[in-house]
Amino acid sequence: MIYIDSSVALAHLFGEGRSPPASLWRERLVASRIFEYEFWNRIHARGFTGSHGDEARALLTRVTLIDLTRPVLVRALDPFPVAVGTHDALHLATVMFLRGRGEAVRIGKL
């Protein structure tokens, strides 16, 4: 299982210079529910809703979104070994939640 954040998906969608390897898209993909909001926010902000909307929706169907349940939110409130921003704390807490349930989660990278 590969955990991805919006930067990985957006790099793929927009064909940026750095993008994840093609093999990533054959894996089981998961992300925090916040991923969906970050993803669409950047698409709308760039004015690409019309030109990239269908591809964005198709990409989202490949990602299992993990809700921000009480255990995830509680973990995000606790400190991490290094200072992280709010969204990063939610992403890390989601990964920790999945690992706590016995899932072998790796982080998707560019």
N, C-alpha and C. Protein backbone atom coordinates (compact mmCIF):
# COMPACT_ATOMS: atom_id res chain seq x y z
N MET A 1 0.85 -1.16 0.00
CA MET A 1 0.00 0.00 0.00
C MET A 1 0.90 1.23 0.00
N ILE A 2 0.56 2.18 -0.87
CA ILE A 2 1.35 3.41 -0.99
C ILE A 2 0.47 4.59 -0.57
N TYR A 3 0.99 5.38 0.35
CA TYR A 3 0.32 6.60 0.78
C TYR A 3 0.83 7.74 -0.10
N ILE A 4 -0.10 8.45 -0.73
CA ILE A 4 0.32 9.59 -1.55
C ILE A 4 -0.29 10.87 -1.00
N ASP A 5 0.39 11.97 -1.25
CA ASP A 5 -0.19 13.25 -0.91
C ASP A 5 -0.49 14.00 -2.21
N SER A 6 -1.10 15.14 -2.07
CA SER A 6 -1.56 15.86 -3.26
C SER A 6 -0.42 16.29 -4.18
N SER A 7 0.77 16.56 -3.63
CA SER A 7 1.88 16.99 -4.49
C SER A 7 2.26 15.90 -5.49
N VAL A 8 2.20 14.65 -5.09
CA VAL A 8 2.53 13.55 -5.98
C VAL A 8 1.47 13.44 -7.09
N ALA A 9 0.21 13.50 -6.70
CA ALA A 9 -0.87 13.38 -7.68
C ALA A 9 -0.89 14.57 -8.63
N LEU A 10 -0.65 15.76 -8.11
CA LEU A 10 -0.66 16.96 -8.96
C LEU A 10 0.51 16.97 -9.93
N ALA A 11 1.67 16.51 -9.49
CA ALA A 11 2.82 16.42 -10.39
C ALA A 11 2.51 15.49 -11.55
N HIS A 12 1.84 14.40 -11.26
CA HIS A 12 1.44 13.45 -12.30
C HIS A 12 0.40 14.08 -13.23
N LEU A 13 -0.61 14.69 -12.63
CA LEU A 13 -1.71 15.27 -13.41
C LEU A 13 -1.24 16.39 -14.33
N PHE A 14 -0.36 17.24 -13.83
CA PHE A 14 0.09 18.39 -14.60
C PHE A 14 1.33 18.11 -15.43
N GLY A 15 1.87 16.89 -15.35
CA GLY A 15 3.04 16.55 -16.15
C GLY A 15 4.24 17.41 -15.83
N GLU A 16 4.42 17.70 -14.55
CA GLU A 16 5.54 18.53 -14.13
C GLU A 16 6.86 17.79 -14.35
N GLY A 17 7.95 18.52 -14.28
CA GLY A 17 9.28 17.94 -14.50
C GLY A 17 9.56 16.75 -13.61
N ARG A 18 9.12 16.82 -12.38
CA ARG A 18 9.26 15.68 -11.47
C ARG A 18 7.91 15.03 -11.31
N SER A 19 7.87 13.75 -11.51
CA SER A 19 6.61 13.02 -11.31
C SER A 19 6.95 11.63 -10.80
N PRO A 20 5.99 10.98 -10.18
CA PRO A 20 6.25 9.64 -9.65
C PRO A 20 6.48 8.64 -10.77
N PRO A 21 7.14 7.54 -10.48
CA PRO A 21 7.34 6.52 -11.50
C PRO A 21 5.99 5.92 -11.93
N ALA A 22 5.91 5.50 -13.16
CA ALA A 22 4.67 4.92 -13.69
C ALA A 22 4.19 3.73 -12.85
N SER A 23 5.13 3.01 -12.24
CA SER A 23 4.78 1.84 -11.44
C SER A 23 3.93 2.20 -10.22
N LEU A 24 4.02 3.44 -9.76
CA LEU A 24 3.23 3.87 -8.60
C LEU A 24 1.74 3.66 -8.84
N TRP A 25 1.30 3.92 -10.05
CA TRP A 25 -0.13 3.88 -10.36
C TRP A 25 -0.68 2.47 -10.47
N ARG A 26 0.20 1.47 -10.39
CA ARG A 26 -0.25 0.07 -10.36
C ARG A 26 -0.38 -0.45 -8.93
N GLU A 27 0.01 0.36 -7.97
CA GLU A 27 -0.04 -0.02 -6.56
C GLU A 27 -1.41 0.30 -5.96
N ARG A 28 -1.66 -0.23 -4.78
CA ARG A 28 -2.85 0.14 -4.01
C ARG A 28 -2.53 1.49 -3.36
N LEU A 29 -3.29 2.52 -3.69
CA LEU A 29 -3.02 3.87 -3.23
C LEU A 29 -4.02 4.29 -2.16
N VAL A 30 -3.50 4.95 -1.13
CA VAL A 30 -4.35 5.49 -0.06
C VAL A 30 -3.89 6.91 0.25
N ALA A 31 -4.80 7.67 0.82
CA ALA A 31 -4.50 9.04 1.24
C ALA A 31 -5.53 9.46 2.28
N SER A 32 -5.17 10.46 3.03
CA SER A 32 -6.11 11.07 3.96
C SER A 32 -7.20 11.77 3.17
N ARG A 33 -8.37 11.87 3.75
CA ARG A 33 -9.49 12.57 3.10
C ARG A 33 -9.08 14.00 2.73
N ILE A 34 -8.17 14.60 3.49
CA ILE A 34 -7.73 15.97 3.20
C ILE A 34 -7.06 16.07 1.83
N PHE A 35 -6.53 14.96 1.35
CA PHE A 35 -5.93 14.89 0.01
C PHE A 35 -6.90 15.41 -1.05
N GLU A 36 -8.14 14.95 -0.98
CA GLU A 36 -9.14 15.34 -1.98
C GLU A 36 -9.32 16.86 -2.01
N TYR A 37 -9.36 17.48 -0.85
CA TYR A 37 -9.55 18.93 -0.78
C TYR A 37 -8.32 19.69 -1.26
N GLU A 38 -7.14 19.22 -0.88
CA GLU A 38 -5.90 19.85 -1.35
C GLU A 38 -5.80 19.73 -2.87
N PHE A 39 -6.10 18.56 -3.37
CA PHE A 39 -6.01 18.25 -4.79
C PHE A 39 -6.90 19.19 -5.62
N TRP A 40 -8.20 19.25 -5.26
CA TRP A 40 -9.13 20.09 -6.01
C TRP A 40 -8.83 21.57 -5.82
N ASN A 41 -8.38 21.96 -4.65
CA ASN A 41 -8.05 23.36 -4.40
C ASN A 41 -6.98 23.84 -5.37
N ARG A 42 -5.93 23.03 -5.57
CA ARG A 42 -4.85 23.42 -6.48
C ARG A 42 -5.31 23.40 -7.94
N ILE A 43 -6.16 22.46 -8.31
CA ILE A 43 -6.68 22.40 -9.68
C ILE A 43 -7.51 23.65 -9.96
N HIS A 44 -8.41 23.99 -9.03
CA HIS A 44 -9.24 25.19 -9.20
C HIS A 44 -8.38 26.45 -9.21
N ALA A 45 -7.39 26.53 -8.31
CA ALA A 45 -6.54 27.72 -8.22
C ALA A 45 -5.77 27.97 -9.51
N ARG A 46 -5.39 26.91 -10.19
CA ARG A 46 -4.64 27.05 -11.45
C ARG A 46 -5.55 27.25 -12.66
N GLY A 47 -6.86 27.19 -12.42
CA GLY A 47 -7.80 27.36 -13.52
C GLY A 47 -7.87 26.16 -14.44
N PHE A 48 -7.55 24.97 -13.93
CA PHE A 48 -7.50 23.76 -14.75
C PHE A 48 -8.71 22.84 -14.57
N THR A 49 -9.76 23.34 -13.94
CA THR A 49 -10.93 22.49 -13.70
C THR A 49 -11.50 21.96 -15.01
N GLY A 50 -11.65 22.83 -16.01
CA GLY A 50 -12.21 22.40 -17.29
C GLY A 50 -11.28 21.50 -18.07
N SER A 51 -10.00 21.84 -18.10
CA SER A 51 -9.06 21.08 -18.93
C SER A 51 -8.57 19.79 -18.28
N HIS A 52 -8.57 19.72 -16.96
CA HIS A 52 -8.03 18.55 -16.27
C HIS A 52 -9.04 17.84 -15.36
N GLY A 53 -10.28 18.33 -15.35
CA GLY A 53 -11.29 17.79 -14.43
C GLY A 53 -11.56 16.31 -14.60
N ASP A 54 -11.73 15.85 -15.83
CA ASP A 54 -12.03 14.42 -16.05
C ASP A 54 -10.86 13.55 -15.61
N GLU A 55 -9.65 13.97 -15.97
CA GLU A 55 -8.47 13.20 -15.57
C GLU A 55 -8.30 13.21 -14.05
N ALA A 56 -8.62 14.33 -13.43
CA ALA A 56 -8.52 14.44 -11.97
C ALA A 56 -9.52 13.48 -11.30
N ARG A 57 -10.74 13.46 -11.80
CA ARG A 57 -11.75 12.55 -11.23
C ARG A 57 -11.32 11.10 -11.40
N ALA A 58 -10.76 10.77 -12.56
CA ALA A 58 -10.29 9.40 -12.80
C ALA A 58 -9.16 9.04 -11.84
N LEU A 59 -8.25 9.97 -11.62
CA LEU A 59 -7.15 9.72 -10.70
C LEU A 59 -7.69 9.47 -9.29
N LEU A 60 -8.67 10.27 -8.87
CA LEU A 60 -9.24 10.12 -7.53
C LEU A 60 -9.89 8.75 -7.32
N THR A 61 -10.42 8.16 -8.38
CA THR A 61 -11.04 6.83 -8.22
C THR A 61 -10.01 5.77 -7.89
N ARG A 62 -8.73 6.04 -8.14
CA ARG A 62 -7.66 5.09 -7.87
C ARG A 62 -7.17 5.16 -6.42
N VAL A 63 -7.60 6.18 -5.68
CA VAL A 63 -7.08 6.41 -4.34
C VAL A 63 -8.17 6.13 -3.31
N THR A 64 -7.86 5.25 -2.35
CA THR A 64 -8.76 5.02 -1.24
C THR A 64 -8.54 6.14 -0.23
N LEU A 65 -9.60 6.89 0.07
CA LEU A 65 -9.49 8.01 0.99
C LEU A 65 -9.85 7.57 2.40
N ILE A 66 -8.97 7.88 3.33
CA ILE A 66 -9.15 7.52 4.74
C ILE A 66 -9.74 8.72 5.47
N ASP A 67 -10.88 8.53 6.06
CA ASP A 67 -11.54 9.63 6.78
C ASP A 67 -10.72 10.09 7.97
N LEU A 68 -10.90 11.34 8.31
CA LEU A 68 -10.23 11.92 9.48
C LEU A 68 -11.05 11.55 10.72
N THR A 69 -10.88 10.31 11.14
CA THR A 69 -11.62 9.79 12.28
C THR A 69 -11.02 10.33 13.57
N ARG A 70 -11.71 10.13 14.66
CA ARG A 70 -11.26 10.62 15.96
C ARG A 70 -9.84 10.13 16.29
N PRO A 71 -9.50 8.85 16.11
CA PRO A 71 -8.13 8.42 16.43
C PRO A 71 -7.07 9.15 15.59
N VAL A 72 -7.36 9.41 14.33
CA VAL A 72 -6.41 10.13 13.48
C VAL A 72 -6.24 11.56 13.99
N LEU A 73 -7.35 12.21 14.28
CA LEU A 73 -7.29 13.59 14.75
C LEU A 73 -6.60 13.71 16.11
N VAL A 74 -6.85 12.74 16.99
CA VAL A 74 -6.19 12.75 18.31
C VAL A 74 -4.68 12.62 18.13
N ARG A 75 -4.25 11.72 17.24
CA ARG A 75 -2.81 11.55 17.03
C ARG A 75 -2.19 12.81 16.43
N ALA A 76 -2.90 13.47 15.56
CA ALA A 76 -2.38 14.69 14.94
C ALA A 76 -2.18 15.81 15.96
N LEU A 77 -2.87 15.74 17.09
CA LEU A 77 -2.72 16.75 18.14
C LEU A 77 -1.43 16.57 18.94
N ASP A 78 -0.93 15.36 18.97
CA ASP A 78 0.31 15.09 19.72
C ASP A 78 1.52 15.58 18.92
N PRO A 79 2.59 15.92 19.64
CA PRO A 79 3.79 16.37 18.91
C PRO A 79 4.43 15.25 18.11
N PHE A 80 5.12 15.64 17.06
CA PHE A 80 5.91 14.74 16.24
C PHE A 80 7.38 15.00 16.55
N PRO A 81 8.28 14.11 16.17
CA PRO A 81 9.70 14.29 16.49
C PRO A 81 10.29 15.59 15.92
N VAL A 82 9.72 16.07 14.83
CA VAL A 82 10.12 17.36 14.25
C VAL A 82 8.86 18.19 14.06
N ALA A 83 9.04 19.50 13.99
CA ALA A 83 7.89 20.38 13.78
C ALA A 83 7.31 20.15 12.39
N VAL A 84 5.99 20.01 12.32
CA VAL A 84 5.30 19.85 11.04
C VAL A 84 4.10 20.78 11.01
N GLY A 85 3.67 21.10 9.80
CA GLY A 85 2.49 21.93 9.63
C GLY A 85 1.22 21.12 9.88
N THR A 86 0.11 21.83 9.88
CA THR A 86 -1.18 21.20 10.18
C THR A 86 -1.52 20.06 9.22
N HIS A 87 -1.43 20.33 7.93
CA HIS A 87 -1.79 19.29 6.95
C HIS A 87 -0.82 18.11 7.02
N ASP A 88 0.47 18.39 7.19
CA ASP A 88 1.43 17.30 7.31
C ASP A 88 1.14 16.45 8.53
N ALA A 89 0.74 17.09 9.63
CA ALA A 89 0.39 16.33 10.84
C ALA A 89 -0.78 15.40 10.57
N LEU A 90 -1.76 15.87 9.82
CA LEU A 90 -2.91 15.03 9.49
C LEU A 90 -2.51 13.87 8.58
N HIS A 91 -1.63 14.14 7.61
CA HIS A 91 -1.15 13.07 6.74
C HIS A 91 -0.35 12.04 7.55
N LEU A 92 0.57 12.51 8.38
CA LEU A 92 1.38 11.58 9.19
C LEU A 92 0.52 10.78 10.15
N ALA A 93 -0.44 11.42 10.76
CA ALA A 93 -1.34 10.72 11.69
C ALA A 93 -2.14 9.65 10.96
N THR A 94 -2.52 9.92 9.71
CA THR A 94 -3.25 8.92 8.92
C THR A 94 -2.36 7.72 8.63
N VAL A 95 -1.11 7.97 8.25
CA VAL A 95 -0.17 6.86 8.00
C VAL A 95 0.02 6.05 9.28
N MET A 96 0.18 6.73 10.40
CA MET A 96 0.38 6.03 11.67
C MET A 96 -0.86 5.21 12.05
N PHE A 97 -2.04 5.74 11.77
CA PHE A 97 -3.29 5.03 12.02
C PHE A 97 -3.33 3.73 11.20
N LEU A 98 -2.99 3.83 9.93
CA LEU A 98 -3.00 2.65 9.07
C LEU A 98 -1.97 1.62 9.53
N ARG A 99 -0.79 2.09 9.87
CA ARG A 99 0.25 1.17 10.36
C ARG A 99 -0.18 0.52 11.66
N GLY A 100 -0.87 1.27 12.51
CA GLY A 100 -1.38 0.72 13.76
C GLY A 100 -2.40 -0.37 13.56
N ARG A 101 -3.03 -0.38 12.40
CA ARG A 101 -4.00 -1.42 12.04
C ARG A 101 -3.35 -2.58 11.31
N GLY A 102 -2.01 -2.57 11.26
CA GLY A 102 -1.27 -3.67 10.64
C GLY A 102 -1.01 -3.51 9.16
N GLU A 103 -1.33 -2.37 8.59
CA GLU A 103 -1.09 -2.15 7.16
C GLU A 103 0.37 -1.80 6.92
N ALA A 104 0.95 -2.37 5.89
CA ALA A 104 2.32 -2.05 5.49
C ALA A 104 2.22 -0.87 4.52
N VAL A 105 2.42 0.32 5.05
CA VAL A 105 2.25 1.53 4.27
C VAL A 105 3.60 2.13 3.94
N ARG A 106 3.80 2.41 2.64
CA ARG A 106 4.99 3.13 2.19
C ARG A 106 4.53 4.49 1.70
N ILE A 107 5.45 5.43 1.67
CA ILE A 107 5.14 6.79 1.24
C ILE A 107 5.51 6.94 -0.23
N GLY A 108 4.56 7.42 -1.05
CA GLY A 108 4.82 7.68 -2.46
C GLY A 108 5.69 8.92 -2.60
N LYS A 109 6.69 8.85 -3.48
CA LYS A 109 7.62 9.95 -3.65
C LYS A 109 7.70 10.37 -5.10
N LEU A 110 8.17 11.60 -5.27
CA LEU A 110 8.44 12.10 -6.62
C LEU A 110 9.80 11.68 -7.05
